[in-house]
């Protein structure tokens, strides 16, 4: 498993941009929504002294972000899969699955 850890939010966003740069506009557009979800999740995690864990699937026609690794009927469309986590002690982590 390939991963990067102790990332700032800005570094995480840059990695997400790098991943989607080879895909079309739909994938890049979806990433903006995914970043907003991560930001909202971070606020909740900080407020509740918990962590963030999201699974991020890249498709040629967009992205899928879920709180579990279950992508249901979309799994066969996933071309790349990542796990994104945040905790107070480790910052953001970006795992290639």
PDB file of N, CA and C in Angstrom:
ATOM      1  N   UNK A   1       0.839  -1.177   0.000  1.00  0.00           N
ATOM      2  CA  UNK A   1       0.000   0.000   0.000  1.00  0.00           C
ATOM      3  C   UNK A   1       0.887   1.245   0.000  1.00  0.00           C
ATOM      4  N   UNK A   2       0.586   2.168  -0.863  1.00  0.00           N
ATOM      5  CA  UNK A   2       1.319   3.426  -0.981  1.00  0.00           C
ATOM      6  C   UNK A   2       0.520   4.513  -0.269  1.00  0.00           C
ATOM      7  N   UNK A   3       1.166   5.257   0.616  1.00  0.00           N
ATOM      8  CA  UNK A   3       0.432   6.284   1.338  1.00  0.00           C
ATOM      9  C   UNK A   3       1.325   7.485   1.651  1.00  0.00           C
ATOM     10  N   UNK A   4       0.657   8.594   1.918  1.00  0.00           N
ATOM     11  CA  UNK A   4       1.316   9.818   2.364  1.00  0.00           C
ATOM     12  C   UNK A   4       0.598  10.231   3.634  1.00  0.00           C
ATOM     13  N   UNK A   5       1.368  10.654   4.630  1.00  0.00           N
ATOM     14  CA  UNK A   5       0.733  11.028   5.893  1.00  0.00           C
ATOM     15  C   UNK A   5       1.295  12.329   6.415  1.00  0.00           C
ATOM     16  N   UNK A   6       0.642  12.812   7.467  1.00  0.00           N
ATOM     17  CA  UNK A   6       0.982  14.091   8.095  1.00  0.00           C
ATOM     18  C   UNK A   6       0.887  15.243   7.084  1.00  0.00           C
ATOM     19  N   UNK A   7      -0.153  15.186   6.271  1.00  0.00           N
ATOM     20  CA  UNK A   7      -0.397  16.213   5.258  1.00  0.00           C
ATOM     21  C   UNK A   7      -1.238  17.340   5.843  1.00  0.00           C
ATOM     22  N   UNK A   8      -1.028  18.535   5.353  1.00  0.00           N
ATOM     23  CA  UNK A   8      -1.941  19.634   5.646  1.00  0.00           C
ATOM     24  C   UNK A   8      -3.139  19.493   4.706  1.00  0.00           C
ATOM     25  N   UNK A   9      -4.189  20.245   4.981  1.00  0.00           N
ATOM     26  CA  UNK A   9      -5.358  20.202   4.099  1.00  0.00           C
ATOM     27  C   UNK A   9      -4.984  20.687   2.697  1.00  0.00           C
ATOM     28  N   UNK A  10      -4.152  21.703   2.618  1.00  0.00           N
ATOM     29  CA  UNK A  10      -3.711  22.215   1.312  1.00  0.00           C
ATOM     30  C   UNK A  10      -2.929  21.150   0.539  1.00  0.00           C
ATOM     31  N   UNK A  11      -2.071  20.400   1.214  1.00  0.00           N
ATOM     32  CA  UNK A  11      -1.313  19.338   0.546  1.00  0.00           C
ATOM     33  C   UNK A  11      -2.244  18.223   0.073  1.00  0.00           C
ATOM     34  N   UNK A  12      -3.259  17.903   0.875  1.00  0.00           N
ATOM     35  CA  UNK A  12      -4.234  16.889   0.478  1.00  0.00           C
ATOM     36  C   UNK A  12      -4.969  17.326  -0.786  1.00  0.00           C
ATOM     37  N   UNK A  13      -5.406  18.568  -0.814  1.00  0.00           N
ATOM     38  CA  UNK A  13      -6.119  19.079  -1.991  1.00  0.00           C
ATOM     39  C   UNK A  13      -5.227  19.015  -3.227  1.00  0.00           C
ATOM     40  N   UNK A  14      -3.959  19.342  -3.086  1.00  0.00           N
ATOM     41  CA  UNK A  14      -3.015  19.268  -4.207  1.00  0.00           C
ATOM     42  C   UNK A  14      -2.891  17.835  -4.712  1.00  0.00           C
ATOM     43  N   UNK A  15      -2.802  16.865  -3.800  1.00  0.00           N
ATOM     44  CA  UNK A  15      -2.740  15.459  -4.213  1.00  0.00           C
ATOM     45  C   UNK A  15      -4.013  15.047  -4.950  1.00  0.00           C
ATOM     46  N   UNK A  16      -5.158  15.460  -4.442  1.00  0.00           N
ATOM     47  CA  UNK A  16      -6.414  15.140  -5.108  1.00  0.00           C
ATOM     48  C   UNK A  16      -6.456  15.750  -6.499  1.00  0.00           C
ATOM     49  N   UNK A  17      -5.973  16.971  -6.634  1.00  0.00           N
ATOM     50  CA  UNK A  17      -5.903  17.615  -7.944  1.00  0.00           C
ATOM     51  C   UNK A  17      -4.974  16.838  -8.880  1.00  0.00           C
ATOM     52  N   UNK A  18      -3.824  16.429  -8.363  1.00  0.00           N
ATOM     53  CA  UNK A  18      -2.881  15.669  -9.185  1.00  0.00           C
ATOM     54  C   UNK A  18      -3.499  14.373  -9.696  1.00  0.00           C
ATOM     55  N   UNK A  19      -4.259  13.688  -8.836  1.00  0.00           N
ATOM     56  CA  UNK A  19      -4.905  12.437  -9.228  1.00  0.00           C
ATOM     57  C   UNK A  19      -5.924  12.681 -10.339  1.00  0.00           C
ATOM     58  N   UNK A  20      -6.724  13.730 -10.208  1.00  0.00           N
ATOM     59  CA  UNK A  20      -7.810  13.955 -11.171  1.00  0.00           C
ATOM     60  C   UNK A  20      -7.363  14.701 -12.424  1.00  0.00           C
ATOM     61  N   UNK A  21      -6.133  15.183 -12.455  1.00  0.00           N
ATOM     62  CA  UNK A  21      -5.685  15.984 -13.604  1.00  0.00           C
ATOM     63  C   UNK A  21      -5.686  15.200 -14.913  1.00  0.00           C
ATOM     64  N   UNK A  22      -5.614  13.894 -14.846  1.00  0.00           N
ATOM     65  CA  UNK A  22      -5.601  13.099 -16.083  1.00  0.00           C
ATOM     66  C   UNK A  22      -7.000  12.667 -16.524  1.00  0.00           C
ATOM     67  N   UNK A  23      -8.001  13.052 -15.746  1.00  0.00           N
ATOM     68  CA  UNK A  23      -9.388  12.734 -16.075  1.00  0.00           C
ATOM     69  C   UNK A  23     -10.101  13.990 -16.581  1.00  0.00           C
ATOM     70  N   UNK A  24     -11.322  13.830 -16.994  1.00  0.00           N
ATOM     71  CA  UNK A  24     -12.065  14.945 -17.578  1.00  0.00           C
ATOM     72  C   UNK A  24     -12.660  15.898 -16.551  1.00  0.00           C
ATOM     73  N   UNK A  25     -13.393  16.857 -17.090  1.00  0.00           N
ATOM     74  CA  UNK A  25     -13.999  17.906 -16.265  1.00  0.00           C
ATOM     75  C   UNK A  25     -14.977  17.370 -15.226  1.00  0.00           C
ATOM     76  N   UNK A  26     -15.725  16.324 -15.557  1.00  0.00           N
ATOM     77  CA  UNK A  26     -16.697  15.789 -14.610  1.00  0.00           C
ATOM     78  C   UNK A  26     -16.004  15.294 -13.339  1.00  0.00           C
ATOM     79  N   UNK A  27     -14.888  14.631 -13.512  1.00  0.00           N
ATOM     80  CA  UNK A  27     -14.136  14.130 -12.367  1.00  0.00           C
ATOM     81  C   UNK A  27     -13.570  15.285 -11.557  1.00  0.00           C
ATOM     82  N   UNK A  28     -13.031  16.272 -12.234  1.00  0.00           N
ATOM     83  CA  UNK A  28     -12.484  17.429 -11.533  1.00  0.00           C
ATOM     84  C   UNK A  28     -13.584  18.211 -10.817  1.00  0.00           C
ATOM     85  N   UNK A  29     -14.747  18.326 -11.429  1.00  0.00           N
ATOM     86  CA  UNK A  29     -15.878  19.023 -10.802  1.00  0.00           C
ATOM     87  C   UNK A  29     -16.340  18.296  -9.551  1.00  0.00           C
ATOM     88  N   UNK A  30     -16.445  16.980  -9.622  1.00  0.00           N
ATOM     89  CA  UNK A  30     -16.850  16.200  -8.460  1.00  0.00           C
ATOM     90  C   UNK A  30     -15.872  16.357  -7.305  1.00  0.00           C
ATOM     91  N   UNK A  31     -14.607  16.540  -7.623  1.00  0.00           N
ATOM     92  CA  UNK A  31     -13.583  16.677  -6.589  1.00  0.00           C
ATOM     93  C   UNK A  31     -13.837  17.904  -5.719  1.00  0.00           C
ATOM     94  N   UNK A  32     -14.390  18.947  -6.294  1.00  0.00           N
ATOM     95  CA  UNK A  32     -14.709  20.142  -5.507  1.00  0.00           C
ATOM     96  C   UNK A  32     -15.735  19.793  -4.429  1.00  0.00           C
ATOM     97  N   UNK A  33     -16.738  19.010  -4.785  1.00  0.00           N
ATOM     98  CA  UNK A  33     -17.734  18.560  -3.816  1.00  0.00           C
ATOM     99  C   UNK A  33     -17.092  17.656  -2.765  1.00  0.00           C
ATOM    100  N   UNK A  34     -16.164  16.798  -3.185  1.00  0.00           N
ATOM    101  CA  UNK A  34     -15.475  15.906  -2.251  1.00  0.00           C
ATOM    102  C   UNK A  34     -14.645  16.706  -1.239  1.00  0.00           C
ATOM    103  N   UNK A  35     -13.996  17.746  -1.705  1.00  0.00           N
ATOM    104  CA  UNK A  35     -13.199  18.601  -0.811  1.00  0.00           C
ATOM    105  C   UNK A  35     -14.112  19.294   0.200  1.00  0.00           C
ATOM    106  N   UNK A  36     -15.270  19.743  -0.250  1.00  0.00           N
ATOM    107  CA  UNK A  36     -16.235  20.362   0.667  1.00  0.00           C
ATOM    108  C   UNK A  36     -16.703  19.357   1.713  1.00  0.00           C
ATOM    109  N   UNK A  37     -16.940  18.110   1.301  1.00  0.00           N
ATOM    110  CA  UNK A  37     -17.328  17.059   2.245  1.00  0.00           C
ATOM    111  C   UNK A  37     -16.234  16.827   3.281  1.00  0.00           C
ATOM    112  N   UNK A  38     -14.988  16.785   2.836  1.00  0.00           N
ATOM    113  CA  UNK A  38     -13.869  16.595   3.766  1.00  0.00           C
ATOM    114  C   UNK A  38     -13.763  17.760   4.746  1.00  0.00           C
ATOM    115  N   UNK A  39     -13.961  18.965   4.255  1.00  0.00           N
ATOM    116  CA  UNK A  39     -13.902  20.145   5.114  1.00  0.00           C
ATOM    117  C   UNK A  39     -14.999  20.104   6.178  1.00  0.00           C
ATOM    118  N   UNK A  40     -16.216  19.776   5.761  1.00  0.00           N
ATOM    119  CA  UNK A  40     -17.333  19.659   6.710  1.00  0.00           C
ATOM    120  C   UNK A  40     -17.076  18.542   7.720  1.00  0.00           C
ATOM    121  N   UNK A  41     -16.559  17.417   7.242  1.00  0.00           N
ATOM    122  CA  UNK A  41     -16.268  16.286   8.118  1.00  0.00           C
ATOM    123  C   UNK A  41     -15.189  16.638   9.123  1.00  0.00           C
ATOM    124  N   UNK A  42     -14.220  17.424   8.696  1.00  0.00           N
ATOM    125  CA  UNK A  42     -13.152  17.858   9.596  1.00  0.00           C
ATOM    126  C   UNK A  42     -13.717  18.712  10.729  1.00  0.00           C
ATOM    127  N   UNK A  43     -14.586  19.636  10.403  1.00  0.00           N
ATOM    128  CA  UNK A  43     -15.205  20.479  11.434  1.00  0.00           C
ATOM    129  C   UNK A  43     -15.948  19.640  12.466  1.00  0.00           C
ATOM    130  N   UNK A  44     -16.694  18.658  11.996  1.00  0.00           N
ATOM    131  CA  UNK A  44     -17.445  17.776  12.892  1.00  0.00           C
ATOM    132  C   UNK A  44     -16.494  16.947  13.749  1.00  0.00           C
ATOM    133  N   UNK A  45     -15.433  16.416  13.127  1.00  0.00           N
ATOM    134  CA  UNK A  45     -14.469  15.588  13.860  1.00  0.00           C
ATOM    135  C   UNK A  45     -13.776  16.390  14.961  1.00  0.00           C
ATOM    136  N   UNK A  46     -13.398  17.614  14.646  1.00  0.00           N
ATOM    137  CA  UNK A  46     -12.744  18.454  15.657  1.00  0.00           C
ATOM    138  C   UNK A  46     -13.710  18.742  16.802  1.00  0.00           C
ATOM    139  N   UNK A  47     -14.941  19.082  16.460  1.00  0.00           N
ATOM    140  CA  UNK A  47     -15.958  19.402  17.476  1.00  0.00           C
ATOM    141  C   UNK A  47     -16.224  18.208  18.392  1.00  0.00           C
ATOM    142  N   UNK A  48     -16.208  16.985  17.827  1.00  0.00           N
ATOM    143  CA  UNK A  48     -16.549  15.782  18.585  1.00  0.00           C
ATOM    144  C   UNK A  48     -15.332  14.970  19.031  1.00  0.00           C
ATOM    145  N   UNK A  49     -14.155  15.516  18.843  1.00  0.00           N
ATOM    146  CA  UNK A  49     -12.904  14.821  19.217  1.00  0.00           C
ATOM    147  C   UNK A  49     -12.847  13.410  18.633  1.00  0.00           C
ATOM    148  N   UNK A  50     -13.075  13.324  17.332  1.00  0.00           N
ATOM    149  CA  UNK A  50     -13.061  12.036  16.646  1.00  0.00           C
ATOM    150  C   UNK A  50     -12.168  12.136  15.408  1.00  0.00           C
ATOM    151  N   UNK A  51     -12.360  11.304  14.425  1.00  0.00           N
ATOM    152  CA  UNK A  51     -11.516  11.286  13.229  1.00  0.00           C
ATOM    153  C   UNK A  51     -12.382  11.295  11.971  1.00  0.00           C
ATOM    154  N   UNK A  52     -11.734  11.467  10.832  1.00  0.00           N
ATOM    155  CA  UNK A  52     -12.399  11.432   9.524  1.00  0.00           C
ATOM    156  C   UNK A  52     -11.835  10.240   8.757  1.00  0.00           C
ATOM    157  N   UNK A  53     -12.712   9.486   8.112  1.00  0.00           N
ATOM    158  CA  UNK A  53     -12.276   8.425   7.205  1.00  0.00           C
ATOM    159  C   UNK A  53     -13.233   8.402   6.029  1.00  0.00           C
ATOM    160  N   UNK A  54     -12.688   8.563   4.853  1.00  0.00           N
ATOM    161  CA  UNK A  54     -13.473   8.535   3.619  1.00  0.00           C
ATOM    162  C   UNK A  54     -12.760   7.664   2.593  1.00  0.00           C
ATOM    163  N   UNK A  55     -13.555   7.007   1.763  1.00  0.00           N
ATOM    164  CA  UNK A  55     -13.032   6.220   0.655  1.00  0.00           C
ATOM    165  C   UNK A  55     -13.401   6.957  -0.621  1.00  0.00           C
ATOM    166  N   UNK A  56     -12.402   7.165  -1.462  1.00  0.00           N
ATOM    167  CA  UNK A  56     -12.556   8.015  -2.640  1.00  0.00           C
ATOM    168  C   UNK A  56     -12.277   7.197  -3.885  1.00  0.00           C
ATOM    169  N   UNK A  57     -13.288   7.028  -4.712  1.00  0.00           N
ATOM    170  CA  UNK A  57     -13.153   6.286  -5.957  1.00  0.00           C
ATOM    171  C   UNK A  57     -13.142   7.236  -7.140  1.00  0.00           C
ATOM    172  N   UNK A  58     -12.217   6.992  -8.057  1.00  0.00           N
ATOM    173  CA  UNK A  58     -12.093   7.826  -9.252  1.00  0.00           C
ATOM    174  C   UNK A  58     -12.631   7.045 -10.439  1.00  0.00           C
ATOM    175  N   UNK A  59     -13.562   7.654 -11.149  1.00  0.00           N
ATOM    176  CA  UNK A  59     -14.118   7.097 -12.380  1.00  0.00           C
ATOM    177  C   UNK A  59     -13.814   8.069 -13.514  1.00  0.00           C
ATOM    178  N   UNK A  60     -13.924   7.622 -14.726  1.00  0.00           N
ATOM    179  CA  UNK A  60     -13.705   8.533 -15.851  1.00  0.00           C
ATOM    180  C   UNK A  60     -14.823   9.556 -15.960  1.00  0.00           C
ATOM    181  N   UNK A  61     -15.970   9.269 -15.349  1.00  0.00           N
ATOM    182  CA  UNK A  61     -17.116  10.178 -15.420  1.00  0.00           C
ATOM    183  C   UNK A  61     -17.409  10.872 -14.099  1.00  0.00           C
ATOM    184  N   UNK A  62     -16.477  10.851 -13.172  1.00  0.00           N
ATOM    185  CA  UNK A  62     -16.687  11.516 -11.898  1.00  0.00           C
ATOM    186  C   UNK A  62     -16.002  10.790 -10.763  1.00  0.00           C
ATOM    187  N   UNK A  63     -16.320  11.221  -9.552  1.00  0.00           N
ATOM    188  CA  UNK A  63     -15.758  10.589  -8.362  1.00  0.00           C
ATOM    189  C   UNK A  63     -16.892  10.089  -7.474  1.00  0.00           C
ATOM    190  N   UNK A  64     -16.532   9.203  -6.546  1.00  0.00           N
ATOM    191  CA  UNK A  64     -17.470   8.703  -5.555  1.00  0.00           C
ATOM    192  C   UNK A  64     -16.749   8.765  -4.219  1.00  0.00           C
ATOM    193  N   UNK A  65     -17.340   9.438  -3.234  1.00  0.00           N
ATOM    194  CA  UNK A  65     -16.757   9.485  -1.902  1.00  0.00           C
ATOM    195  C   UNK A  65     -17.769   8.896  -0.926  1.00  0.00           C
ATOM    196  N   UNK A  66     -17.294   7.915  -0.144  1.00  0.00           N
ATOM    197  CA  UNK A  66     -18.162   7.240   0.810  1.00  0.00           C
ATOM    198  C   UNK A  66     -17.463   7.112   2.155  1.00  0.00           C
ATOM    199  N   UNK A  67     -18.237   6.811   3.180  1.00  0.00           N
ATOM    200  CA  UNK A  67     -17.650   6.606   4.507  1.00  0.00           C
ATOM    201  C   UNK A  67     -17.274   5.145   4.737  1.00  0.00           C
ATOM    202  N   UNK A  68     -17.629   4.267   3.815  1.00  0.00           N
ATOM    203  CA  UNK A  68     -17.233   2.855   3.871  1.00  0.00           C
ATOM    204  C   UNK A  68     -16.648   2.465   2.513  1.00  0.00           C
ATOM    205  N   UNK A  69     -15.892   1.385   2.457  1.00  0.00           N
ATOM    206  CA  UNK A  69     -15.309   0.982   1.163  1.00  0.00           C
ATOM    207  C   UNK A  69     -16.306   0.283   0.244  1.00  0.00           C
ATOM    208  N   UNK A  70     -17.588   0.376   0.538  1.00  0.00           N
ATOM    209  CA  UNK A  70     -18.618  -0.265  -0.264  1.00  0.00           C
ATOM    210  C   UNK A  70     -19.138   0.716  -1.317  1.00  0.00           C
ATOM    211  N   UNK A  71     -18.775   0.485  -2.559  1.00  0.00           N
ATOM    212  CA  UNK A  71     -19.214   1.355  -3.648  1.00  0.00           C
ATOM    213  C   UNK A  71     -20.399   0.767  -4.409  1.00  0.00           C
ATOM    214  N   UNK A  72     -20.944  -0.327  -3.899  1.00  0.00           N
ATOM    215  CA  UNK A  72     -22.120  -0.990  -4.434  1.00  0.00           C
ATOM    216  C   UNK A  72     -22.009  -1.228  -5.934  1.00  0.00           C
ATOM    217  N   UNK A  73     -23.007  -0.816  -6.704  1.00  0.00           N
ATOM    218  CA  UNK A  73     -23.033  -1.101  -8.140  1.00  0.00           C
ATOM    219  C   UNK A  73     -22.031  -0.271  -8.941  1.00  0.00           C
ATOM    220  N   UNK A  74     -21.398   0.707  -8.318  1.00  0.00           N
ATOM    221  CA  UNK A  74     -20.430   1.542  -9.028  1.00  0.00           C
ATOM    222  C   UNK A  74     -19.004   0.991  -8.947  1.00  0.00           C
ATOM    223  N   UNK A  75     -18.794  -0.086  -8.181  1.00  0.00           N
ATOM    224  CA  UNK A  75     -17.444  -0.584  -7.946  1.00  0.00           C
ATOM    225  C   UNK A  75     -16.724  -0.947  -9.246  1.00  0.00           C
ATOM    226  N   UNK A  76     -17.433  -1.534 -10.194  1.00  0.00           N
ATOM    227  CA  UNK A  76     -16.781  -1.928 -11.451  1.00  0.00           C
ATOM    228  C   UNK A  76     -16.395  -0.724 -12.312  1.00  0.00           C
ATOM    229  N   UNK A  77     -16.871   0.466 -11.987  1.00  0.00           N
ATOM    230  CA  UNK A  77     -16.507   1.683 -12.715  1.00  0.00           C
ATOM    231  C   UNK A  77     -15.285   2.379 -12.116  1.00  0.00           C
ATOM    232  N   UNK A  78     -14.878   1.981 -10.907  1.00  0.00           N
ATOM    233  CA  UNK A  78     -13.778   2.642 -10.205  1.00  0.00           C
ATOM    234  C   UNK A  78     -12.456   2.281 -10.864  1.00  0.00           C
ATOM    235  N   UNK A  79     -11.700   3.303 -11.253  1.00  0.00           N
ATOM    236  CA  UNK A  79     -10.398   3.101 -11.877  1.00  0.00           C
ATOM    237  C   UNK A  79      -9.252   3.259 -10.882  1.00  0.00           C
ATOM    238  N   UNK A  80      -9.456   4.090  -9.875  1.00  0.00           N
ATOM    239  CA  UNK A  80      -8.474   4.288  -8.813  1.00  0.00           C
ATOM    240  C   UNK A  80      -9.241   4.411  -7.499  1.00  0.00           C
ATOM    241  N   UNK A  81      -8.629   3.898  -6.420  1.00  0.00           N
ATOM    242  CA  UNK A  81      -9.302   3.904  -5.128  1.00  0.00           C
ATOM    243  C   UNK A  81      -8.333   4.379  -4.051  1.00  0.00           C
ATOM    244  N   UNK A  82      -8.828   5.265  -3.182  1.00  0.00           N
ATOM    245  CA  UNK A  82      -8.006   5.868  -2.123  1.00  0.00           C
ATOM    246  C   UNK A  82      -8.776   5.858  -0.810  1.00  0.00           C
ATOM    247  N   UNK A  83      -8.025   5.881   0.284  1.00  0.00           N
ATOM    248  CA  UNK A  83      -8.605   6.107   1.606  1.00  0.00           C
ATOM    249  C   UNK A  83      -8.001   7.393   2.138  1.00  0.00           C
ATOM    250  N   UNK A  84      -8.861   8.304   2.552  1.00  0.00           N
ATOM    251  CA  UNK A  84      -8.439   9.596   3.082  1.00  0.00           C
ATOM    252  C   UNK A  84      -8.854   9.637   4.549  1.00  0.00           C
ATOM    253  N   UNK A  85      -7.892   9.929   5.413  1.00  0.00           N
ATOM    254  CA  UNK A  85      -8.179   9.964   6.847  1.00  0.00           C
ATOM    255  C   UNK A  85      -7.590  11.221   7.470  1.00  0.00           C
ATOM    256  N   UNK A  86      -8.192  11.639   8.577  1.00  0.00           N
ATOM    257  CA  UNK A  86      -7.649  12.715   9.394  1.00  0.00           C
ATOM    258  C   UNK A  86      -7.834  12.360  10.855  1.00  0.00           C
ATOM    259  N   UNK A  87      -6.820  12.631  11.651  1.00  0.00           N
ATOM    260  CA  UNK A  87      -6.948  12.576  13.108  1.00  0.00           C
ATOM    261  C   UNK A  87      -6.091  13.703  13.669  1.00  0.00           C
ATOM    262  N   UNK A  88      -6.403  14.089  14.871  1.00  0.00           N
ATOM    263  CA  UNK A  88      -5.695  15.208  15.489  1.00  0.00           C
ATOM    264  C   UNK A  88      -4.198  14.934  15.604  1.00  0.00           C
ATOM    265  N   UNK A  89      -3.833  13.707  15.866  1.00  0.00           N
ATOM    266  CA  UNK A  89      -2.425  13.361  16.060  1.00  0.00           C
ATOM    267  C   UNK A  89      -1.641  13.179  14.767  1.00  0.00           C
ATOM    268  N   UNK A  90      -2.307  12.760  13.702  1.00  0.00           N
ATOM    269  CA  UNK A  90      -1.565  12.437  12.480  1.00  0.00           C
ATOM    270  C   UNK A  90      -1.860  13.347  11.291  1.00  0.00           C
ATOM    271  N   UNK A  91      -2.786  14.268  11.423  1.00  0.00           N
ATOM    272  CA  UNK A  91      -3.141  15.114  10.272  1.00  0.00           C
ATOM    273  C   UNK A  91      -3.840  14.280   9.202  1.00  0.00           C
ATOM    274  N   UNK A  92      -3.736  14.722   7.970  1.00  0.00           N
ATOM    275  CA  UNK A  92      -4.365  14.020   6.850  1.00  0.00           C
ATOM    276  C   UNK A  92      -3.466  12.911   6.348  1.00  0.00           C
ATOM    277  N   UNK A  93      -4.090  11.788   5.975  1.00  0.00           N
ATOM    278  CA  UNK A  93      -3.400  10.649   5.384  1.00  0.00           C
ATOM    279  C   UNK A  93      -4.098  10.320   4.076  1.00  0.00           C
ATOM    280  N   UNK A  94      -3.292  10.006   3.050  1.00  0.00           N
ATOM    281  CA  UNK A  94      -3.818   9.703   1.716  1.00  0.00           C
ATOM    282  C   UNK A  94      -3.251   8.352   1.313  1.00  0.00           C
ATOM    283  N   UNK A  95      -4.087   7.319   1.354  1.00  0.00           N
ATOM    284  CA  UNK A  95      -3.672   5.933   1.044  1.00  0.00           C
ATOM    285  C   UNK A  95      -4.166   5.521  -0.322  1.00  0.00           C
ATOM    286  N   UNK A  96      -3.276   4.922  -1.107  1.00  0.00           N
ATOM    287  CA  UNK A  96      -3.666   4.302  -2.370  1.00  0.00           C
ATOM    288  C   UNK A  96      -4.056   2.863  -2.048  1.00  0.00           C
ATOM    289  N   UNK A  97      -5.272   2.483  -2.391  1.00  0.00           N
ATOM    290  CA  UNK A  97      -5.729   1.109  -2.131  1.00  0.00           C
ATOM    291  C   UNK A  97      -5.649   0.244  -3.375  1.00  0.00           C
TER     292      UNK A  97
END
